[in-house]
N, C-alpha and C. Protein backbone atom coordinates (compact mmCIF):
# COMPACT_ATOMS: atom_id res chain seq x y z
N MET A 1 0.85 -1.17 0.00
CA MET A 1 0.00 0.00 0.00
C MET A 1 0.90 1.24 0.00
N SER A 2 0.58 2.19 -0.83
CA SER A 2 1.38 3.41 -0.91
C SER A 2 1.09 4.32 0.28
N ALA A 3 2.04 5.20 0.54
CA ALA A 3 1.86 6.18 1.62
C ALA A 3 0.62 7.03 1.35
N ARG A 4 0.46 7.42 0.12
CA ARG A 4 -0.69 8.27 -0.23
C ARG A 4 -2.00 7.57 0.12
N THR A 5 -2.12 6.31 -0.24
CA THR A 5 -3.35 5.57 0.05
C THR A 5 -3.53 5.37 1.55
N LEU A 6 -2.49 4.89 2.23
CA LEU A 6 -2.58 4.62 3.66
C LEU A 6 -3.01 5.86 4.44
N PHE A 7 -2.34 6.97 4.19
CA PHE A 7 -2.61 8.16 5.00
C PHE A 7 -3.86 8.91 4.56
N THR A 8 -4.28 8.73 3.32
CA THR A 8 -5.58 9.27 2.89
C THR A 8 -6.71 8.52 3.60
N VAL A 9 -6.59 7.21 3.68
CA VAL A 9 -7.60 6.41 4.39
C VAL A 9 -7.60 6.75 5.88
N ALA A 10 -6.40 6.92 6.45
CA ALA A 10 -6.31 7.29 7.87
C ALA A 10 -6.94 8.65 8.12
N ALA A 11 -6.70 9.60 7.23
CA ALA A 11 -7.30 10.93 7.37
C ALA A 11 -8.82 10.82 7.30
N ALA A 12 -9.31 10.07 6.33
CA ALA A 12 -10.77 9.90 6.19
C ALA A 12 -11.36 9.25 7.44
N PHE A 13 -10.69 8.24 7.97
CA PHE A 13 -11.15 7.57 9.20
C PHE A 13 -11.27 8.59 10.33
N ASN A 14 -10.24 9.40 10.52
CA ASN A 14 -10.28 10.38 11.60
C ASN A 14 -11.37 11.42 11.39
N PHE A 15 -11.54 11.88 10.15
CA PHE A 15 -12.60 12.86 9.89
C PHE A 15 -13.98 12.23 10.09
N LEU A 16 -14.14 10.97 9.67
CA LEU A 16 -15.44 10.30 9.83
C LEU A 16 -15.78 10.03 11.30
N VAL A 17 -14.77 9.94 12.14
CA VAL A 17 -14.99 9.77 13.58
C VAL A 17 -15.11 11.12 14.26
N GLY A 18 -14.16 12.01 14.01
CA GLY A 18 -14.08 13.27 14.74
C GLY A 18 -15.14 14.29 14.41
N LEU A 19 -15.46 14.46 13.14
CA LEU A 19 -16.45 15.49 12.78
C LEU A 19 -17.83 15.19 13.36
N PRO A 20 -18.34 13.97 13.27
CA PRO A 20 -19.63 13.70 13.92
C PRO A 20 -19.58 13.93 15.44
N MET A 21 -18.43 13.63 16.05
CA MET A 21 -18.31 13.89 17.48
C MET A 21 -18.47 15.38 17.78
N LEU A 22 -18.02 16.23 16.87
CA LEU A 22 -18.11 17.67 17.07
C LEU A 22 -19.50 18.22 16.78
N VAL A 23 -20.17 17.69 15.76
CA VAL A 23 -21.40 18.33 15.30
C VAL A 23 -22.67 17.49 15.43
N ALA A 24 -22.54 16.22 15.74
CA ALA A 24 -23.73 15.35 15.80
C ALA A 24 -23.69 14.46 17.03
N TYR A 25 -23.52 15.07 18.19
CA TYR A 25 -23.38 14.28 19.41
C TYR A 25 -24.52 13.29 19.63
N PRO A 26 -25.79 13.65 19.42
CA PRO A 26 -26.86 12.67 19.67
C PRO A 26 -26.69 11.37 18.87
N VAL A 27 -26.25 11.48 17.65
CA VAL A 27 -26.04 10.30 16.81
C VAL A 27 -24.87 9.48 17.36
N VAL A 28 -23.77 10.15 17.65
CA VAL A 28 -22.59 9.48 18.18
C VAL A 28 -22.91 8.83 19.53
N ALA A 29 -23.63 9.54 20.36
CA ALA A 29 -23.98 9.02 21.68
C ALA A 29 -24.77 7.72 21.56
N ARG A 30 -25.71 7.68 20.63
CA ARG A 30 -26.49 6.45 20.41
C ARG A 30 -25.60 5.31 19.94
N LEU A 31 -24.72 5.59 18.98
CA LEU A 31 -23.86 4.55 18.42
C LEU A 31 -22.86 4.01 19.44
N LEU A 32 -22.36 4.87 20.33
CA LEU A 32 -21.34 4.46 21.28
C LEU A 32 -21.88 4.24 22.69
N ALA A 33 -23.21 4.29 22.83
CA ALA A 33 -23.86 4.08 24.13
C ALA A 33 -23.33 5.05 25.19
N LEU A 34 -23.22 6.32 24.79
CA LEU A 34 -22.81 7.36 25.73
C LEU A 34 -24.04 7.93 26.40
N GLU A 35 -23.88 8.35 27.64
CA GLU A 35 -25.01 8.90 28.39
C GLU A 35 -24.78 10.37 28.67
N GLY A 36 -25.87 11.12 28.76
CA GLY A 36 -25.78 12.53 29.14
C GLY A 36 -25.32 13.42 28.00
N GLN A 37 -25.05 14.64 28.38
CA GLN A 37 -24.61 15.65 27.43
C GLN A 37 -23.09 15.58 27.24
N PRO A 38 -22.61 16.03 26.09
CA PRO A 38 -21.16 16.01 25.88
C PRO A 38 -20.46 16.98 26.83
N THR A 39 -19.28 16.61 27.25
CA THR A 39 -18.49 17.48 28.12
C THR A 39 -17.47 18.24 27.27
N ALA A 40 -16.81 19.19 27.88
CA ALA A 40 -15.74 19.90 27.18
C ALA A 40 -14.66 18.92 26.76
N TRP A 41 -14.39 17.92 27.61
CA TRP A 41 -13.35 16.93 27.28
C TRP A 41 -13.73 16.14 26.04
N PHE A 42 -14.99 15.81 25.89
CA PHE A 42 -15.45 15.09 24.71
C PHE A 42 -15.15 15.90 23.45
N HIS A 43 -15.44 17.20 23.51
CA HIS A 43 -15.20 18.05 22.35
C HIS A 43 -13.71 18.27 22.11
N ILE A 44 -12.92 18.31 23.15
CA ILE A 44 -11.47 18.43 22.99
C ILE A 44 -10.93 17.18 22.30
N VAL A 45 -11.38 16.02 22.73
CA VAL A 45 -10.95 14.77 22.10
C VAL A 45 -11.37 14.77 20.63
N ALA A 46 -12.58 15.19 20.34
CA ALA A 46 -13.05 15.23 18.96
C ALA A 46 -12.18 16.16 18.12
N ALA A 47 -11.82 17.30 18.67
CA ALA A 47 -10.96 18.24 17.95
C ALA A 47 -9.59 17.62 17.69
N VAL A 48 -9.04 16.92 18.67
CA VAL A 48 -7.73 16.27 18.49
C VAL A 48 -7.82 15.21 17.38
N VAL A 49 -8.90 14.47 17.35
CA VAL A 49 -9.09 13.45 16.30
C VAL A 49 -9.10 14.12 14.93
N VAL A 50 -9.79 15.25 14.80
CA VAL A 50 -9.84 15.97 13.52
C VAL A 50 -8.47 16.54 13.17
N ILE A 51 -7.75 17.08 14.15
CA ILE A 51 -6.41 17.63 13.91
C ILE A 51 -5.48 16.53 13.40
N PHE A 52 -5.53 15.36 14.02
CA PHE A 52 -4.71 14.25 13.54
C PHE A 52 -5.13 13.85 12.12
N GLY A 53 -6.42 13.93 11.82
CA GLY A 53 -6.86 13.66 10.45
C GLY A 53 -6.21 14.61 9.46
N TYR A 54 -6.12 15.87 9.83
CA TYR A 54 -5.43 16.86 8.99
C TYR A 54 -3.96 16.47 8.81
N ALA A 55 -3.31 16.05 9.90
CA ALA A 55 -1.90 15.65 9.83
C ALA A 55 -1.72 14.46 8.88
N TYR A 56 -2.64 13.50 8.94
CA TYR A 56 -2.55 12.35 8.04
C TYR A 56 -2.74 12.78 6.59
N GLY A 57 -3.59 13.77 6.37
CA GLY A 57 -3.75 14.32 5.03
C GLY A 57 -2.46 14.96 4.54
N CYS A 58 -1.76 15.66 5.43
CA CYS A 58 -0.46 16.24 5.08
C CYS A 58 0.53 15.15 4.69
N ILE A 59 0.54 14.06 5.46
CA ILE A 59 1.45 12.95 5.15
C ILE A 59 1.11 12.36 3.79
N ALA A 60 -0.18 12.19 3.51
CA ALA A 60 -0.58 11.64 2.21
C ALA A 60 -0.11 12.55 1.08
N TYR A 61 -0.17 13.83 1.31
CA TYR A 61 0.25 14.80 0.29
C TYR A 61 1.75 14.78 0.06
N ASP A 62 2.54 14.71 1.16
CA ASP A 62 4.01 14.73 1.04
C ASP A 62 4.60 13.88 2.17
N PRO A 63 4.71 12.57 1.95
CA PRO A 63 5.16 11.66 3.01
C PRO A 63 6.59 11.90 3.47
N VAL A 64 7.43 12.51 2.65
CA VAL A 64 8.80 12.78 3.07
C VAL A 64 8.83 14.01 3.98
N ARG A 65 8.24 15.08 3.54
CA ARG A 65 8.24 16.33 4.31
C ARG A 65 7.56 16.16 5.67
N PHE A 66 6.45 15.42 5.70
CA PHE A 66 5.67 15.30 6.92
C PHE A 66 5.92 13.99 7.66
N ARG A 67 7.00 13.31 7.34
CA ARG A 67 7.34 12.04 7.98
C ARG A 67 7.33 12.10 9.52
N PRO A 68 7.83 13.17 10.14
CA PRO A 68 7.79 13.21 11.62
C PRO A 68 6.38 13.07 12.20
N TYR A 69 5.37 13.44 11.44
CA TYR A 69 3.99 13.31 11.92
C TYR A 69 3.59 11.84 12.09
N ILE A 70 4.26 10.94 11.37
CA ILE A 70 3.89 9.53 11.43
C ILE A 70 4.14 8.98 12.83
N SER A 71 5.28 9.30 13.42
CA SER A 71 5.57 8.84 14.78
C SER A 71 4.56 9.41 15.77
N LEU A 72 4.22 10.69 15.59
CA LEU A 72 3.19 11.28 16.46
C LEU A 72 1.86 10.57 16.29
N GLY A 73 1.55 10.18 15.05
CA GLY A 73 0.32 9.44 14.80
C GLY A 73 0.30 8.10 15.51
N ILE A 74 1.43 7.40 15.49
CA ILE A 74 1.52 6.12 16.20
C ILE A 74 1.29 6.33 17.68
N ILE A 75 1.97 7.30 18.25
CA ILE A 75 1.83 7.59 19.69
C ILE A 75 0.39 7.97 20.02
N GLY A 76 -0.19 8.85 19.22
CA GLY A 76 -1.56 9.28 19.46
C GLY A 76 -2.56 8.13 19.38
N LYS A 77 -2.41 7.32 18.35
CA LYS A 77 -3.35 6.20 18.19
C LYS A 77 -3.21 5.19 19.32
N LEU A 78 -1.97 4.89 19.71
CA LEU A 78 -1.78 3.94 20.82
C LEU A 78 -2.27 4.51 22.15
N ALA A 79 -2.16 5.82 22.32
CA ALA A 79 -2.69 6.45 23.54
C ALA A 79 -4.21 6.32 23.58
N PHE A 80 -4.88 6.53 22.45
CA PHE A 80 -6.33 6.36 22.40
C PHE A 80 -6.71 4.91 22.67
N VAL A 81 -5.96 3.99 22.08
CA VAL A 81 -6.25 2.56 22.28
C VAL A 81 -6.11 2.21 23.76
N ALA A 82 -5.02 2.62 24.39
CA ALA A 82 -4.80 2.30 25.81
C ALA A 82 -5.90 2.90 26.68
N ALA A 83 -6.27 4.13 26.41
CA ALA A 83 -7.29 4.79 27.23
C ALA A 83 -8.66 4.11 27.08
N ILE A 84 -9.07 3.88 25.85
CA ILE A 84 -10.41 3.30 25.63
C ILE A 84 -10.45 1.85 26.08
N TYR A 85 -9.45 1.04 25.70
CA TYR A 85 -9.45 -0.36 26.14
C TYR A 85 -9.41 -0.45 27.66
N GLY A 86 -8.60 0.40 28.29
CA GLY A 86 -8.53 0.39 29.76
C GLY A 86 -9.88 0.68 30.38
N HIS A 87 -10.58 1.68 29.86
CA HIS A 87 -11.90 2.00 30.39
C HIS A 87 -12.92 0.93 30.04
N TRP A 88 -12.79 0.35 28.86
CA TRP A 88 -13.72 -0.72 28.48
C TRP A 88 -13.55 -1.94 29.39
N LEU A 89 -12.31 -2.29 29.68
CA LEU A 89 -12.05 -3.46 30.54
C LEU A 89 -12.57 -3.26 31.96
N THR A 90 -12.65 -2.01 32.41
CA THR A 90 -13.15 -1.74 33.76
C THR A 90 -14.62 -1.31 33.76
N GLY A 91 -15.27 -1.38 32.60
CA GLY A 91 -16.68 -1.06 32.51
C GLY A 91 -16.99 0.41 32.30
N GLY A 92 -15.97 1.23 32.04
CA GLY A 92 -16.19 2.66 31.89
C GLY A 92 -16.37 3.13 30.46
N ALA A 93 -16.27 2.23 29.50
CA ALA A 93 -16.47 2.58 28.08
C ALA A 93 -17.26 1.45 27.43
N SER A 94 -18.02 1.81 26.43
CA SER A 94 -18.87 0.83 25.75
C SER A 94 -18.07 -0.08 24.82
N GLY A 95 -18.68 -1.19 24.50
CA GLY A 95 -18.08 -2.09 23.52
C GLY A 95 -17.93 -1.42 22.16
N GLY A 96 -18.88 -0.54 21.82
CA GLY A 96 -18.79 0.19 20.55
C GLY A 96 -17.55 1.06 20.50
N SER A 97 -17.21 1.69 21.62
CA SER A 97 -15.99 2.51 21.68
C SER A 97 -14.76 1.64 21.49
N ALA A 98 -14.77 0.46 22.12
CA ALA A 98 -13.63 -0.45 22.00
C ALA A 98 -13.48 -0.94 20.57
N VAL A 99 -14.58 -1.24 19.91
CA VAL A 99 -14.53 -1.69 18.52
C VAL A 99 -14.00 -0.57 17.63
N LEU A 100 -14.50 0.64 17.85
CA LEU A 100 -14.07 1.78 17.04
C LEU A 100 -12.57 2.04 17.19
N VAL A 101 -12.07 1.99 18.41
CA VAL A 101 -10.66 2.28 18.65
C VAL A 101 -9.75 1.15 18.15
N THR A 102 -10.31 0.00 17.85
CA THR A 102 -9.52 -1.06 17.24
C THR A 102 -8.99 -0.60 15.89
N GLY A 103 -9.74 0.25 15.21
CA GLY A 103 -9.25 0.85 13.97
C GLY A 103 -7.97 1.63 14.20
N ASP A 104 -7.89 2.33 15.34
CA ASP A 104 -6.66 3.06 15.67
C ASP A 104 -5.49 2.10 15.87
N LEU A 105 -5.76 0.96 16.49
CA LEU A 105 -4.71 -0.03 16.69
C LEU A 105 -4.19 -0.54 15.34
N VAL A 106 -5.09 -0.83 14.43
CA VAL A 106 -4.70 -1.29 13.09
C VAL A 106 -3.88 -0.22 12.38
N PHE A 107 -4.33 1.04 12.45
CA PHE A 107 -3.57 2.11 11.80
C PHE A 107 -2.20 2.29 12.44
N ALA A 108 -2.10 2.20 13.76
CA ALA A 108 -0.79 2.32 14.43
C ALA A 108 0.17 1.25 13.90
N MET A 109 -0.33 0.03 13.74
CA MET A 109 0.52 -1.04 13.22
C MET A 109 0.91 -0.77 11.77
N LEU A 110 -0.03 -0.28 10.96
CA LEU A 110 0.28 0.03 9.56
C LEU A 110 1.27 1.18 9.46
N PHE A 111 1.12 2.19 10.32
CA PHE A 111 2.07 3.32 10.30
C PHE A 111 3.47 2.83 10.67
N PHE A 112 3.55 1.99 11.69
CA PHE A 112 4.84 1.45 12.12
C PHE A 112 5.47 0.63 11.00
N THR A 113 4.67 -0.19 10.36
CA THR A 113 5.15 -0.99 9.24
C THR A 113 5.66 -0.10 8.12
N TYR A 114 4.93 0.97 7.84
CA TYR A 114 5.36 1.91 6.80
C TYR A 114 6.72 2.51 7.16
N LEU A 115 6.91 2.94 8.39
CA LEU A 115 8.18 3.53 8.81
C LEU A 115 9.33 2.53 8.66
N ARG A 116 9.08 1.30 9.03
CA ARG A 116 10.13 0.26 8.92
C ARG A 116 10.41 -0.09 7.46
N ARG A 117 9.37 -0.13 6.65
CA ARG A 117 9.50 -0.52 5.25
C ARG A 117 10.23 0.54 4.43
N ASP A 118 10.07 1.80 4.80
CA ASP A 118 10.60 2.90 4.01
C ASP A 118 11.50 3.80 4.86
N PRO A 119 12.59 3.24 5.44
CA PRO A 119 13.42 4.03 6.36
C PRO A 119 14.23 5.12 5.67
N GLN A 120 14.39 5.04 4.37
CA GLN A 120 15.21 6.02 3.66
C GLN A 120 14.45 7.29 3.30
N ALA A 121 13.15 7.26 3.40
CA ALA A 121 12.35 8.41 3.00
C ALA A 121 12.31 9.43 4.14
N VAL A 122 13.46 10.06 4.35
CA VAL A 122 13.55 11.08 5.40
C VAL A 122 13.74 12.44 4.75
N PRO A 123 13.17 13.47 5.33
CA PRO A 123 13.28 14.79 4.71
C PRO A 123 14.71 15.32 4.78
N GLU A 124 15.07 16.09 3.78
CA GLU A 124 16.36 16.77 3.81
C GLU A 124 16.27 17.88 4.85
N ALA A 125 17.41 18.30 5.38
CA ALA A 125 17.44 19.33 6.42
C ALA A 125 16.74 20.60 5.96
N SER A 126 16.92 20.97 4.71
CA SER A 126 16.28 22.19 4.21
C SER A 126 14.77 22.05 4.11
N ALA A 127 14.29 20.85 3.84
CA ALA A 127 12.84 20.62 3.72
C ALA A 127 12.16 20.70 5.07
N VAL A 128 12.86 20.28 6.13
CA VAL A 128 12.26 20.30 7.45
C VAL A 128 12.11 21.72 7.96
N SER A 129 13.02 22.60 7.60
CA SER A 129 12.99 23.96 8.14
C SER A 129 12.03 24.88 7.39
N ARG A 130 11.36 24.39 6.37
CA ARG A 130 10.42 25.23 5.61
C ARG A 130 9.28 25.69 6.44
């Protein structure tokens, strides 16, 4: 799979998750079995998901220039996985949330594989300082 395809799909995944969290809470709440009104933290998480989607779009556009974002993506996705799975295992998150965050686990593995497969695609010093 090419970098362009992988990171375009990752960007779409994040936008498809994050944007509804920002603008359609009742729908998201039903799908993920969330109770009550959204909190500020819920909206902050949704914004972070959308921001990472933008970063993945940047990587798809220029995987060499934006390569450092890939490591941040791995860290971010694994942090979401750890948080949601941890809460799911203790009864604090729904099964739907755990299923959804499994996508993040798959993407983290694909991002890591991409970094290992293409270790030479590093930006030149002048490209990083742009």
